[in-house]
Amino acid sequence: MTLDTLKDNEEALIVGFEADKQLQARLFSFGFAKNKKVKKIRSSIANSTIMVELDTTCVILRSSEAKIIQISKEF
């Protein structure tokens, strides 16, 4: 399951990434890491961007970036 499949206000646990090292490093700099809880706040009208919350930080991702973040709803 990937981050882009979450519904608004759903939470999940990050379990991995399907990206090259450069993109993984960029996501890590925003606070994305394995075993971290993430909450989807909302999507744009066309679902081109997704707003998520990590701890107390809000981050907006492109849908293509959200598709590479593997999640689990069981935590």
PDB file of N, CA and C in Angstrom:
ATOM      1  N   MET A   1       0.854  -1.169   0.000  1.00  0.00           N
ATOM      2  CA  MET A   1       0.000   0.000   0.000  1.00  0.00           C
ATOM      3  C   MET A   1       0.905   1.240   0.000  1.00  0.00           C
ATOM      4  N   THR A   2       0.487   2.281  -0.693  1.00  0.00           N
ATOM      5  CA  THR A   2       1.302   3.493  -0.778  1.00  0.00           C
ATOM      6  C   THR A   2       0.561   4.697  -0.198  1.00  0.00           C
ATOM      7  N   LEU A   3       1.314   5.726   0.100  1.00  0.00           N
ATOM      8  CA  LEU A   3       0.780   6.911   0.766  1.00  0.00           C
ATOM      9  C   LEU A   3      -0.355   7.575  -0.015  1.00  0.00           C
ATOM     10  N   ASP A   4      -0.301   7.527  -1.325  1.00  0.00           N
ATOM     11  CA  ASP A   4      -1.343   8.169  -2.137  1.00  0.00           C
ATOM     12  C   ASP A   4      -2.708   7.494  -2.001  1.00  0.00           C
ATOM     13  N   THR A   5      -2.770   6.293  -1.428  1.00  0.00           N
ATOM     14  CA  THR A   5      -4.040   5.572  -1.294  1.00  0.00           C
ATOM     15  C   THR A   5      -4.791   5.908  -0.009  1.00  0.00           C
ATOM     16  N   LEU A   6      -4.159   6.636   0.902  1.00  0.00           N
ATOM     17  CA  LEU A   6      -4.843   7.013   2.139  1.00  0.00           C
ATOM     18  C   LEU A   6      -5.985   7.979   1.856  1.00  0.00           C
ATOM     19  N   LYS A   7      -7.009   7.901   2.672  1.00  0.00           N
ATOM     20  CA  LYS A   7      -8.111   8.858   2.611  1.00  0.00           C
ATOM     21  C   LYS A   7      -7.805  10.010   3.558  1.00  0.00           C
ATOM     22  N   ASP A   8      -8.510  11.110   3.401  1.00  0.00           N
ATOM     23  CA  ASP A   8      -8.311  12.268   4.274  1.00  0.00           C
ATOM     24  C   ASP A   8      -8.458  11.866   5.738  1.00  0.00           C
ATOM     25  N   ASN A   9      -7.541  12.368   6.567  1.00  0.00           N
ATOM     26  CA  ASN A   9      -7.500  12.145   8.017  1.00  0.00           C
ATOM     27  C   ASN A   9      -7.158  10.719   8.434  1.00  0.00           C
ATOM     28  N   GLU A  10      -6.725   9.868   7.507  1.00  0.00           N
ATOM     29  CA  GLU A  10      -6.267   8.522   7.861  1.00  0.00           C
ATOM     30  C   GLU A  10      -4.795   8.569   8.237  1.00  0.00           C
ATOM     31  N   GLU A  11      -4.403   7.686   9.156  1.00  0.00           N
ATOM     32  CA  GLU A  11      -3.015   7.582   9.584  1.00  0.00           C
ATOM     33  C   GLU A  11      -2.441   6.238   9.168  1.00  0.00           C
ATOM     34  N   ALA A  12      -1.128   6.210   9.000  1.00  0.00           N
ATOM     35  CA  ALA A  12      -0.434   4.981   8.639  1.00  0.00           C
ATOM     36  C   ALA A  12       1.012   5.069   9.120  1.00  0.00           C
ATOM     37  N   LEU A  13       1.705   3.955   9.007  1.00  0.00           N
ATOM     38  CA  LEU A  13       3.107   3.869   9.380  1.00  0.00           C
ATOM     39  C   LEU A  13       3.931   3.709   8.108  1.00  0.00           C
ATOM     40  N   ILE A  14       4.984   4.481   7.974  1.00  0.00           N
ATOM     41  CA  ILE A  14       5.865   4.362   6.810  1.00  0.00           C
ATOM     42  C   ILE A  14       6.707   3.101   6.986  1.00  0.00           C
ATOM     43  N   VAL A  15       6.692   2.228   5.970  1.00  0.00           N
ATOM     44  CA  VAL A  15       7.448   0.976   6.056  1.00  0.00           C
ATOM     45  C   VAL A  15       8.575   0.892   5.031  1.00  0.00           C
ATOM     46  N   GLY A  16       8.623   1.800   4.076  1.00  0.00           N
ATOM     47  CA  GLY A  16       9.703   1.766   3.104  1.00  0.00           C
ATOM     48  C   GLY A  16       9.490   2.745   1.963  1.00  0.00           C
ATOM     49  N   PHE A  17      10.475   2.734   1.056  1.00  0.00           N
ATOM     50  CA  PHE A  17      10.466   3.643  -0.089  1.00  0.00           C
ATOM     51  C   PHE A  17      10.882   2.880  -1.337  1.00  0.00           C
ATOM     52  N   GLU A  18      10.263   3.182  -2.454  1.00  0.00           N
ATOM     53  CA  GLU A  18      10.666   2.626  -3.747  1.00  0.00           C
ATOM     54  C   GLU A  18      11.209   3.767  -4.591  1.00  0.00           C
ATOM     55  N   ALA A  19      12.377   4.248  -4.205  1.00  0.00           N
ATOM     56  CA  ALA A  19      12.972   5.404  -4.879  1.00  0.00           C
ATOM     57  C   ALA A  19      14.486   5.271  -4.879  1.00  0.00           C
ATOM     58  N   ASP A  20      15.124   6.043  -5.748  1.00  0.00           N
ATOM     59  CA  ASP A  20      16.582   6.055  -5.752  1.00  0.00           C
ATOM     60  C   ASP A  20      17.092   6.776  -4.502  1.00  0.00           C
ATOM     61  N   LYS A  21      18.368   6.651  -4.247  1.00  0.00           N
ATOM     62  CA  LYS A  21      18.966   7.210  -3.024  1.00  0.00           C
ATOM     63  C   LYS A  21      18.794   8.726  -2.936  1.00  0.00           C
ATOM     64  N   GLN A  22      18.858   9.416  -4.066  1.00  0.00           N
ATOM     65  CA  GLN A  22      18.726  10.874  -4.068  1.00  0.00           C
ATOM     66  C   GLN A  22      17.334  11.301  -3.607  1.00  0.00           C
ATOM     67  N   LEU A  23      16.300  10.657  -4.121  1.00  0.00           N
ATOM     68  CA  LEU A  23      14.936  10.994  -3.716  1.00  0.00           C
ATOM     69  C   LEU A  23      14.677  10.570  -2.273  1.00  0.00           C
ATOM     70  N   GLN A  24      15.224   9.427  -1.863  1.00  0.00           N
ATOM     71  CA  GLN A  24      15.088   9.006  -0.468  1.00  0.00           C
ATOM     72  C   GLN A  24      15.710  10.034   0.470  1.00  0.00           C
ATOM     73  N   ALA A  25      16.865  10.564   0.103  1.00  0.00           N
ATOM     74  CA  ALA A  25      17.532  11.579   0.923  1.00  0.00           C
ATOM     75  C   ALA A  25      16.685  12.850   0.998  1.00  0.00           C
ATOM     76  N   ARG A  26      16.064  13.224  -0.102  1.00  0.00           N
ATOM     77  CA  ARG A  26      15.197  14.412  -0.117  1.00  0.00           C
ATOM     78  C   ARG A  26      13.993  14.209   0.800  1.00  0.00           C
ATOM     79  N   LEU A  27      13.356  13.047   0.711  1.00  0.00           N
ATOM     80  CA  LEU A  27      12.213  12.755   1.577  1.00  0.00           C
ATOM     81  C   LEU A  27      12.633  12.714   3.042  1.00  0.00           C
ATOM     82  N   PHE A  28      13.800  12.137   3.315  1.00  0.00           N
ATOM     83  CA  PHE A  28      14.311  12.082   4.684  1.00  0.00           C
ATOM     84  C   PHE A  28      14.522  13.491   5.237  1.00  0.00           C
ATOM     85  N   SER A  29      14.971  14.420   4.387  1.00  0.00           N
ATOM     86  CA  SER A  29      15.191  15.800   4.843  1.00  0.00           C
ATOM     87  C   SER A  29      13.881  16.485   5.227  1.00  0.00           C
ATOM     88  N   PHE A  30      12.762  16.012   4.678  1.00  0.00           N
ATOM     89  CA  PHE A  30      11.438  16.537   5.043  1.00  0.00           C
ATOM     90  C   PHE A  30      10.872  15.860   6.282  1.00  0.00           C
ATOM     91  N   GLY A  31      11.528  14.789   6.741  1.00  0.00           N
ATOM     92  CA  GLY A  31      11.058  14.087   7.930  1.00  0.00           C
ATOM     93  C   GLY A  31      10.482  12.713   7.678  1.00  0.00           C
ATOM     94  N   PHE A  32      10.448  12.269   6.426  1.00  0.00           N
ATOM     95  CA  PHE A  32       9.929  10.939   6.113  1.00  0.00           C
ATOM     96  C   PHE A  32      10.989   9.898   6.452  1.00  0.00           C
ATOM     97  N   ALA A  33      10.618   8.909   7.259  1.00  0.00           N
ATOM     98  CA  ALA A  33      11.538   7.845   7.644  1.00  0.00           C
ATOM     99  C   ALA A  33      10.740   6.591   7.969  1.00  0.00           C
ATOM    100  N   LYS A  34      11.402   5.438   7.873  1.00  0.00           N
ATOM    101  CA  LYS A  34      10.754   4.175   8.227  1.00  0.00           C
ATOM    102  C   LYS A  34      10.267   4.227   9.662  1.00  0.00           C
ATOM    103  N   ASN A  35       9.151   3.569   9.904  1.00  0.00           N
ATOM    104  CA  ASN A  35       8.539   3.459  11.234  1.00  0.00           C
ATOM    105  C   ASN A  35       8.039   4.784  11.796  1.00  0.00           C
ATOM    106  N   LYS A  36       7.828   5.746  10.939  1.00  0.00           N
ATOM    107  CA  LYS A  36       7.286   7.031  11.368  1.00  0.00           C
ATOM    108  C   LYS A  36       5.812   7.109  10.993  1.00  0.00           C
ATOM    109  N   LYS A  37       5.000   7.654  11.894  1.00  0.00           N
ATOM    110  CA  LYS A  37       3.569   7.795  11.641  1.00  0.00           C
ATOM    111  C   LYS A  37       3.332   9.007  10.743  1.00  0.00           C
ATOM    112  N   VAL A  38       2.427   8.833   9.786  1.00  0.00           N
ATOM    113  CA  VAL A  38       2.076   9.898   8.853  1.00  0.00           C
ATOM    114  C   VAL A  38       0.553   9.969   8.768  1.00  0.00           C
ATOM    115  N   LYS A  39       0.038  11.180   8.641  1.00  0.00           N
ATOM    116  CA  LYS A  39      -1.408  11.385   8.531  1.00  0.00           C
ATOM    117  C   LYS A  39      -1.684  12.203   7.275  1.00  0.00           C
ATOM    118  N   LYS A  40      -2.605  11.716   6.445  1.00  0.00           N
ATOM    119  CA  LYS A  40      -2.999  12.477   5.259  1.00  0.00           C
ATOM    120  C   LYS A  40      -4.033  13.511   5.684  1.00  0.00           C
ATOM    121  N   ILE A  41      -3.760  14.762   5.391  1.00  0.00           N
ATOM    122  CA  ILE A  41      -4.681  15.843   5.723  1.00  0.00           C
ATOM    123  C   ILE A  41      -5.710  16.011   4.609  1.00  0.00           C
ATOM    124  N   ARG A  42      -5.236  16.231   3.388  1.00  0.00           N
ATOM    125  CA  ARG A  42      -6.146  16.366   2.246  1.00  0.00           C
ATOM    126  C   ARG A  42      -5.355  16.353   0.940  1.00  0.00           C
ATOM    127  N   SER A  43      -6.099  16.236  -0.165  1.00  0.00           N
ATOM    128  CA  SER A  43      -5.528  16.269  -1.517  1.00  0.00           C
ATOM    129  C   SER A  43      -6.030  17.506  -2.238  1.00  0.00           C
ATOM    130  N   SER A  44      -5.309  17.892  -3.277  1.00  0.00           N
ATOM    131  CA  SER A  44      -5.800  18.976  -4.127  1.00  0.00           C
ATOM    132  C   SER A  44      -6.982  18.457  -4.947  1.00  0.00           C
ATOM    133  N   ILE A  45      -7.683  19.350  -5.606  1.00  0.00           N
ATOM    134  CA  ILE A  45      -8.882  18.974  -6.358  1.00  0.00           C
ATOM    135  C   ILE A  45      -8.587  17.888  -7.389  1.00  0.00           C
ATOM    136  N   ALA A  46      -7.518  18.020  -8.116  1.00  0.00           N
ATOM    137  CA  ALA A  46      -7.176  17.043  -9.151  1.00  0.00           C
ATOM    138  C   ALA A  46      -6.287  15.918  -8.620  1.00  0.00           C
ATOM    139  N   ASN A  47      -6.100  15.847  -7.310  1.00  0.00           N
ATOM    140  CA  ASN A  47      -5.223  14.854  -6.677  1.00  0.00           C
ATOM    141  C   ASN A  47      -3.781  14.939  -7.176  1.00  0.00           C
ATOM    142  N   SER A  48      -3.359  16.106  -7.610  1.00  0.00           N
ATOM    143  CA  SER A  48      -1.984  16.261  -8.077  1.00  0.00           C
ATOM    144  C   SER A  48      -1.018  16.469  -6.917  1.00  0.00           C
ATOM    145  N   THR A  49      -1.525  16.952  -5.780  1.00  0.00           N
ATOM    146  CA  THR A  49      -0.699  17.105  -4.582  1.00  0.00           C
ATOM    147  C   THR A  49      -1.449  16.564  -3.366  1.00  0.00           C
ATOM    148  N   ILE A  50      -0.664  16.173  -2.366  1.00  0.00           N
ATOM    149  CA  ILE A  50      -1.219  15.597  -1.143  1.00  0.00           C
ATOM    150  C   ILE A  50      -0.560  16.276   0.050  1.00  0.00           C
ATOM    151  N   MET A  51      -1.363  16.760   0.991  1.00  0.00           N
ATOM    152  CA  MET A  51      -0.837  17.355   2.218  1.00  0.00           C
ATOM    153  C   MET A  51      -0.843  16.289   3.309  1.00  0.00           C
ATOM    154  N   VAL A  52       0.323  16.090   3.939  1.00  0.00           N
ATOM    155  CA  VAL A  52       0.435  15.121   5.022  1.00  0.00           C
ATOM    156  C   VAL A  52       1.053  15.779   6.243  1.00  0.00           C
ATOM    157  N   GLU A  53       0.838  15.149   7.380  1.00  0.00           N
ATOM    158  CA  GLU A  53       1.397  15.643   8.638  1.00  0.00           C
ATOM    159  C   GLU A  53       2.337  14.588   9.199  1.00  0.00           C
ATOM    160  N   LEU A  54       3.546  15.023   9.540  1.00  0.00           N
ATOM    161  CA  LEU A  54       4.550  14.194  10.195  1.00  0.00           C
ATOM    162  C   LEU A  54       4.872  14.872  11.517  1.00  0.00           C
ATOM    163  N   ASP A  55       4.541  14.232  12.622  1.00  0.00           N
ATOM    164  CA  ASP A  55       4.694  14.860  13.935  1.00  0.00           C
ATOM    165  C   ASP A  55       3.924  16.183  13.938  1.00  0.00           C
ATOM    166  N   THR A  56       4.629  17.303  13.997  1.00  0.00           N
ATOM    167  CA  THR A  56       3.963  18.612  14.001  1.00  0.00           C
ATOM    168  C   THR A  56       4.227  19.391  12.714  1.00  0.00           C
ATOM    169  N   THR A  57       4.755  18.713  11.702  1.00  0.00           N
ATOM    170  CA  THR A  57       5.113  19.358  10.442  1.00  0.00           C
ATOM    171  C   THR A  57       4.164  18.942   9.329  1.00  0.00           C
ATOM    172  N   CYS A  58       3.697  19.904   8.546  1.00  0.00           N
ATOM    173  CA  CYS A  58       2.878  19.608   7.365  1.00  0.00           C
ATOM    174  C   CYS A  58       3.759  19.703   6.124  1.00  0.00           C
ATOM    175  N   VAL A  59       3.623  18.717   5.243  1.00  0.00           N
ATOM    176  CA  VAL A  59       4.406  18.649   4.012  1.00  0.00           C
ATOM    177  C   VAL A  59       3.441  18.403   2.859  1.00  0.00           C
ATOM    178  N   ILE A  60       3.688  19.070   1.741  1.00  0.00           N
ATOM    179  CA  ILE A  60       2.883  18.835   0.539  1.00  0.00           C
ATOM    180  C   ILE A  60       3.755  18.107  -0.479  1.00  0.00           C
ATOM    181  N   LEU A  61       3.256  16.954  -0.930  1.00  0.00           N
ATOM    182  CA  LEU A  61       3.974  16.114  -1.890  1.00  0.00           C
ATOM    183  C   LEU A  61       3.228  16.057  -3.210  1.00  0.00           C
ATOM    184  N   ARG A  62       3.964  15.834  -4.281  1.00  0.00           N
ATOM    185  CA  ARG A  62       3.337  15.494  -5.556  1.00  0.00           C
ATOM    186  C   ARG A  62       2.775  14.078  -5.417  1.00  0.00           C
ATOM    187  N   SER A  63       1.742  13.781  -6.147  1.00  0.00           N
ATOM    188  CA  SER A  63       1.169  12.427  -6.105  1.00  0.00           C
ATOM    189  C   SER A  63       2.200  11.380  -6.507  1.00  0.00           C
ATOM    190  N   SER A  64       3.054  11.713  -7.465  1.00  0.00           N
ATOM    191  CA  SER A  64       4.089  10.769  -7.902  1.00  0.00           C
ATOM    192  C   SER A  64       5.067  10.451  -6.772  1.00  0.00           C
ATOM    193  N   GLU A  65       5.335  11.419  -5.901  1.00  0.00           N
ATOM    194  CA  GLU A  65       6.210  11.173  -4.752  1.00  0.00           C
ATOM    195  C   GLU A  65       5.496  10.325  -3.704  1.00  0.00           C
ATOM    196  N   ALA A  66       4.220  10.582  -3.496  1.00  0.00           N
ATOM    197  CA  ALA A  66       3.447   9.807  -2.520  1.00  0.00           C
ATOM    198  C   ALA A  66       3.340   8.344  -2.937  1.00  0.00           C
ATOM    199  N   LYS A  67       3.374   8.073  -4.229  1.00  0.00           N
ATOM    200  CA  LYS A  67       3.251   6.698  -4.719  1.00  0.00           C
ATOM    201  C   LYS A  67       4.474   5.850  -4.413  1.00  0.00           C
ATOM    202  N   ILE A  68       5.591   6.448  -4.092  1.00  0.00           N
ATOM    203  CA  ILE A  68       6.799   5.659  -3.810  1.00  0.00           C
ATOM    204  C   ILE A  68       6.991   5.406  -2.314  1.00  0.00           C
ATOM    205  N   ILE A  69       6.123   5.974  -1.483  1.00  0.00           N
ATOM    206  CA  ILE A  69       6.227   5.785  -0.035  1.00  0.00           C
ATOM    207  C   ILE A  69       5.310   4.637   0.376  1.00  0.00           C
ATOM    208  N   GLN A  70       5.917   3.541   0.814  1.00  0.00           N
ATOM    209  CA  GLN A  70       5.180   2.349   1.234  1.00  0.00           C
ATOM    210  C   GLN A  70       4.686   2.533   2.664  1.00  0.00           C
ATOM    211  N   ILE A  71       3.423   2.181   2.908  1.00  0.00           N
ATOM    212  CA  ILE A  71       2.834   2.364   4.237  1.00  0.00           C
ATOM    213  C   ILE A  71       2.106   1.105   4.694  1.00  0.00           C
ATOM    214  N   SER A  72       1.804   1.088   5.986  1.00  0.00           N
ATOM    215  CA  SER A  72       0.966   0.046   6.575  1.00  0.00           C
ATOM    216  C   SER A  72      -0.025   0.730   7.498  1.00  0.00           C
ATOM    217  N   LYS A  73      -1.288   0.327   7.424  1.00  0.00           N
ATOM    218  CA  LYS A  73      -2.289   0.897   8.327  1.00  0.00           C
ATOM    219  C   LYS A  73      -2.260   0.212   9.685  1.00  0.00           C
ATOM    220  N   GLU A  74      -1.549  -0.896   9.789  1.00  0.00           N
ATOM    221  CA  GLU A  74      -1.445  -1.636  11.044  1.00  0.00           C
ATOM    222  C   GLU A  74      -0.194  -1.189  11.788  1.00  0.00           C
ATOM    223  N   PHE A  75      -0.392  -0.545  12.932  1.00  0.00           N
ATOM    224  CA  PHE A  75       0.752  -0.105  13.739  1.00  0.00           C
ATOM    225  C   PHE A  75       0.414  -0.083  15.192  1.00  0.00           C
TER     226      PHE A  75
END
